[in-house]
Amino acid sequence: MVHIYLYLGGDDIRNHLEIEAHVGSVNDLAFSYPNNQLCVVTCGEDRSIKVWDAVTGAKKHNFEGHEAPVIISTSMDGQIKCWFCYNWLFGIHGDVPGHSSTMMANSADGKRLFLCGTNKEGESYLVEWNTIKMAVKRMYHGLGKRSGGVVQFDTTKNKFLAAGDEFMVKFWDMDNKHILTSTDAEGGLPASPCIRFNKEGVLLAVSTSDSSIKILANADGIRLLRTRENRPIDAF
């Protein structure tokens, strides 16, 4: 089930749509603007990718086949495919490092694509992907070996990458393959914490082992929080 909410400012959040998107679980979703129309793109356990009208909930397209603007998708067998939105046809494909399940994220301007995953041997990778050649452009170092699961990661400000790994959050400059810094957020993180930057990239939400969320903030993030709360805040 996909739930779409309307945010009308302040604490006013309203349920807008509920979509029975896939047979089984919905594994990921993203917003897209093909032909200047707001859509939601979902992928599911039924091995399909679907495009929905974000206003009406109507299904616009259905992609199957994991054996202008584009949609790029990955599958459990390590394939990455490119779909052309102007005519909704399958274009080109390649294989991700390790031939494994992979997560994707774009830079804020949409010009750079990054992949993160873990192969069957437990070796994780974080790479910048060349969408023209469908090949690795840059491999980032610093992820540890793991027993299972996929590393959660995010990008911000067309400049930084962050990944939840080894009970920490690790950071990279997009233009440097070596790890920039890391933090354990004062402890309490799972082996692979889920992370997400806010739109401005000044706050980072991190999941904890006790099913709560920690908010990490840089100097700009602290100033933002202080405008909303009248209590001291310490930066990580």
Protein backbone atom coordinates (compact mmCIF):
# COMPACT_ATOMS: atom_id res chain seq x y z
CA MET A 1 0.00 0.00 0.00
CA VAL A 2 1.25 3.49 -0.91
CA HIS A 3 -0.04 6.42 1.17
CA ILE A 4 0.26 9.94 -0.25
CA TYR A 5 -0.23 12.90 2.08
CA LEU A 6 -0.83 16.61 1.54
CA TYR A 7 1.25 19.00 3.63
CA LEU A 8 -0.61 22.28 4.04
CA GLY A 9 1.77 24.01 6.44
CA GLY A 10 2.36 23.89 10.17
CA ASP A 11 0.90 20.69 11.63
CA ASP A 12 -1.73 20.34 8.89
CA ILE A 13 -0.99 17.00 7.17
CA ARG A 14 -3.85 15.21 5.42
CA ASN A 15 -4.22 11.79 3.86
CA HIS A 16 -4.66 12.36 0.11
CA LEU A 17 -4.48 8.94 -1.56
CA GLU A 18 -4.10 5.25 -0.83
CA ILE A 19 -2.91 3.08 -3.73
CA GLU A 20 -2.85 -0.72 -3.85
CA ALA A 21 0.34 -0.58 -5.89
CA HIS A 22 1.80 -4.10 -5.99
CA VAL A 23 1.20 -7.76 -5.20
CA GLY A 24 3.28 -8.09 -2.04
CA SER A 25 5.39 -5.33 -0.54
CA VAL A 26 6.31 -1.95 -2.02
CA ASN A 27 10.11 -1.87 -1.91
CA ASP A 28 10.77 1.73 -2.90
CA LEU A 29 9.17 4.83 -4.38
CA ALA A 30 10.16 8.19 -5.82
CA PHE A 31 8.48 11.27 -7.25
CA SER A 32 9.03 12.17 -10.89
CA TYR A 33 7.89 14.88 -13.34
CA PRO A 34 7.66 13.27 -16.80
CA ASN A 35 6.05 15.66 -19.27
CA ASN A 36 5.65 18.21 -16.43
CA GLN A 37 3.15 16.01 -14.59
CA LEU A 38 3.73 14.98 -10.96
CA CYS A 39 3.90 11.18 -10.70
CA VAL A 40 4.88 8.57 -8.15
CA VAL A 41 7.11 5.72 -9.35
CA THR A 42 6.98 2.51 -7.29
CA CYS A 43 8.78 -0.82 -7.41
CA GLY A 44 7.51 -3.93 -5.68
CA GLU A 45 7.93 -7.52 -4.66
CA ASP A 46 6.04 -8.53 -7.83
CA ARG A 47 9.14 -7.44 -9.86
CA SER A 48 7.36 -4.59 -11.59
CA ILE A 49 7.81 -0.82 -11.75
CA LYS A 50 4.66 1.30 -11.94
CA VAL A 51 4.00 4.97 -12.54
CA TRP A 52 1.00 6.62 -10.83
CA ASP A 53 -0.66 10.00 -11.21
CA ALA A 54 0.13 11.66 -7.85
CA VAL A 55 -3.07 13.71 -7.95
CA THR A 56 -5.68 11.13 -8.97
CA GLY A 57 -3.90 7.87 -8.12
CA ALA A 58 -4.52 6.51 -11.62
CA LYS A 59 -1.95 4.04 -12.97
CA LYS A 60 -0.20 5.50 -16.01
CA HIS A 61 2.42 2.88 -16.87
CA ASN A 62 3.59 -0.58 -15.84
CA PHE A 63 7.14 -1.80 -16.54
CA GLU A 64 8.14 -5.45 -16.36
CA GLY A 65 11.34 -7.17 -17.48
CA HIS A 66 14.20 -7.45 -15.02
CA GLU A 67 15.80 -10.58 -16.53
CA ALA A 68 14.72 13.19 -23.00
CA PRO A 69 14.21 12.08 -19.11
CA VAL A 70 14.53 8.52 -17.88
CA ILE A 71 13.67 6.18 -15.03
CA ILE A 72 16.58 4.04 -13.88
CA SER A 73 15.83 0.83 -12.00
CA THR A 74 17.81 -1.98 -10.40
CA SER A 75 16.85 -5.53 -9.53
CA MET A 76 17.86 -8.26 -7.08
CA ASP A 77 20.01 -9.95 -9.75
CA GLY A 78 22.21 -6.86 -10.10
CA GLN A 79 20.84 -5.49 -13.38
CA ILE A 80 20.35 -1.77 -13.88
CA LYS A 81 18.01 -0.58 -16.62
CA CYS A 82 17.15 2.75 -18.17
CA TRP A 83 13.57 3.55 -19.28
CA PHE A 84 12.78 6.51 -21.55
CA CYS A 85 9.89 8.52 -20.13
CA TYR A 86 8.93 10.29 -23.34
CA ASN A 87 7.75 7.03 -24.90
CA TRP A 88 7.94 4.71 -21.83
CA LEU A 89 10.16 2.18 -23.62
CA PHE A 90 13.08 0.19 -22.22
CA GLY A 91 16.38 1.64 -23.33
CA ILE A 92 19.80 0.42 -22.17
CA HIS A 93 21.02 -1.79 -19.35
CA GLY A 94 24.13 -2.87 -17.47
CA ASP A 95 25.30 -4.77 -14.39
CA VAL A 96 25.97 -3.11 -11.05
CA PRO A 97 29.11 -3.98 -9.01
CA GLY A 98 28.77 -7.32 -7.25
CA HIS A 99 25.67 -8.27 -9.31
CA SER A 100 23.53 -7.65 -6.22
CA SER A 101 20.54 -5.73 -4.92
CA THR A 102 21.30 -2.03 -5.11
CA MET A 103 19.91 1.27 -3.82
CA MET A 104 20.11 4.47 -5.88
CA ALA A 105 20.15 8.20 -5.18
CA ASN A 106 20.66 11.28 -7.35
CA SER A 107 22.49 14.47 -6.52
CA ALA A 108 20.15 17.36 -5.73
CA ASP A 109 20.42 18.75 -9.27
CA GLY A 110 19.70 15.33 -10.79
CA LYS A 111 22.93 15.32 -12.81
CA ARG A 112 24.78 12.57 -10.89
CA LEU A 113 23.66 9.07 -9.93
CA PHE A 114 25.03 7.03 -7.02
CA LEU A 115 24.58 3.33 -6.26
CA CYS A 116 25.08 1.45 -2.98
CA GLY A 117 24.72 -2.28 -2.35
CA THR A 118 26.10 -5.47 -0.83
CA ASN A 119 27.06 -8.62 -2.73
CA LYS A 120 26.56 -12.24 -1.63
CA GLU A 121 30.01 -12.28 0.00
CA GLY A 122 29.01 -9.40 2.29
CA GLU A 123 31.19 -6.82 0.53
CA SER A 124 29.51 -3.41 0.28
CA TYR A 125 30.14 -0.80 -2.36
CA LEU A 126 29.27 2.86 -2.93
CA VAL A 127 29.85 4.18 -6.44
CA GLU A 128 29.07 7.04 -8.77
CA TRP A 129 27.45 5.63 -11.91
CA ASN A 130 27.98 6.84 -15.47
CA THR A 131 24.46 6.74 -16.94
CA ILE A 132 25.75 7.14 -20.51
CA LYS A 133 28.27 4.29 -20.47
CA MET A 134 26.27 2.33 -17.82
CA ALA A 135 29.48 1.74 -15.87
CA VAL A 136 31.19 2.75 -12.62
CA LYS A 137 32.63 6.27 -12.73
CA ARG A 138 34.04 6.44 -9.17
CA MET A 139 34.30 3.88 -6.34
CA TYR A 140 34.19 5.22 -2.76
CA HIS A 141 36.21 3.56 0.02
CA GLY A 142 35.31 3.04 3.67
CA LEU A 143 32.33 0.68 3.85
CA GLY A 144 32.77 -2.40 6.04
CA LYS A 145 32.04 -6.06 5.36
CA ARG A 146 28.61 -7.13 6.55
CA SER A 147 26.61 -10.29 7.24
CA GLY A 148 23.42 -9.18 5.52
CA GLY A 149 21.15 -6.32 4.52
CA VAL A 150 21.70 -3.33 2.27
CA VAL A 151 23.53 -0.16 3.26
CA GLN A 152 21.17 2.81 3.49
CA PHE A 153 22.54 6.04 2.03
CA ASP A 154 21.59 9.54 0.88
CA THR A 155 23.04 12.61 -0.88
CA THR A 156 22.85 16.33 -0.15
CA LYS A 157 23.74 19.73 -1.63
CA ASN A 158 25.31 18.25 -4.81
CA LYS A 159 28.35 17.79 -2.58
CA PHE A 160 28.13 15.06 0.09
CA LEU A 161 27.22 11.38 0.47
CA ALA A 162 26.25 9.71 3.74
CA ALA A 163 25.76 6.01 4.53
CA GLY A 164 24.62 4.06 7.60
CA ASP A 165 27.25 1.37 8.18
CA GLU A 166 28.93 -0.46 11.09
CA PHE A 167 26.73 1.22 13.75
CA MET A 168 27.77 4.64 12.43
CA VAL A 169 26.99 7.28 9.83
CA LYS A 170 29.84 7.78 7.36
CA PHE A 171 30.33 10.81 5.08
CA TRP A 172 32.11 11.39 1.76
CA ASP A 173 32.73 14.34 -0.51
CA MET A 174 31.23 13.34 -3.87
CA ASP A 175 34.47 14.25 -5.63
CA ASN A 176 36.78 12.28 -3.31
CA LYS A 177 36.81 8.48 -3.05
CA HIS A 178 38.16 8.49 0.53
CA ILE A 179 35.88 8.76 3.57
CA LEU A 180 35.56 12.31 4.91
CA THR A 181 34.37 11.67 8.49
CA SER A 182 32.02 9.48 10.55
CA THR A 183 29.94 9.63 13.73
CA ASP A 184 28.25 7.09 16.02
CA ALA A 185 25.66 9.74 17.01
CA GLU A 186 26.48 9.06 20.68
CA GLY A 187 25.59 5.38 20.30
CA GLY A 188 22.36 3.43 20.01
CA LEU A 189 22.45 2.94 16.23
CA PRO A 190 21.76 -0.41 14.52
CA ALA A 191 24.38 -2.02 12.26
CA SER A 192 22.75 -0.43 9.19
CA PRO A 193 20.81 2.66 10.29
CA CYS A 194 18.36 4.23 7.86
CA ILE A 195 19.28 7.85 7.12
CA ARG A 196 17.69 10.77 5.27
CA PHE A 197 18.71 14.40 4.80
CA ASN A 198 16.14 17.16 4.84
CA LYS A 199 15.68 19.17 1.65
CA GLU A 200 18.23 21.82 2.64
CA GLY A 201 20.80 19.21 3.72
CA VAL A 202 21.31 20.72 7.17
CA LEU A 203 19.50 18.02 9.17
CA LEU A 204 19.97 14.24 9.01
CA ALA A 205 17.40 11.81 10.42
CA VAL A 206 18.93 8.52 11.63
CA SER A 207 17.07 5.42 12.85
CA THR A 208 18.06 3.86 16.19
CA SER A 209 18.05 0.37 17.66
CA ASP A 210 15.07 1.17 19.90
CA SER A 211 12.87 2.20 16.93
CA SER A 212 13.27 5.92 17.51
CA ILE A 213 14.90 8.62 15.36
CA LYS A 214 17.87 10.87 16.09
CA ILE A 215 18.30 14.19 14.31
CA LEU A 216 21.87 15.21 13.50
CA ALA A 217 22.47 18.86 12.65
CA ASN A 218 25.28 20.99 11.29
CA ALA A 219 25.65 24.66 12.29
CA ASP A 220 22.91 25.78 9.88
CA GLY A 221 20.67 22.99 11.12
CA ILE A 222 21.11 24.09 14.73
CA ARG A 223 20.05 27.62 13.80
CA LEU A 224 17.00 26.20 12.03
CA LEU A 225 16.00 24.12 15.06
CA ARG A 226 16.52 27.01 17.45
CA THR A 227 14.00 29.06 15.52
CA ARG A 228 11.41 26.40 16.34
CA GLU A 229 12.40 25.29 19.84
CA ASN A 230 13.39 27.27 22.89
CA ARG A 231 15.95 24.87 24.30
CA PRO A 232 19.71 24.29 23.90
CA ILE A 233 20.83 22.01 21.06
CA ASP A 234 24.24 20.42 20.68
CA ALA A 235 25.75 19.61 17.28
CA PHE A 236 27.28 16.26 16.41
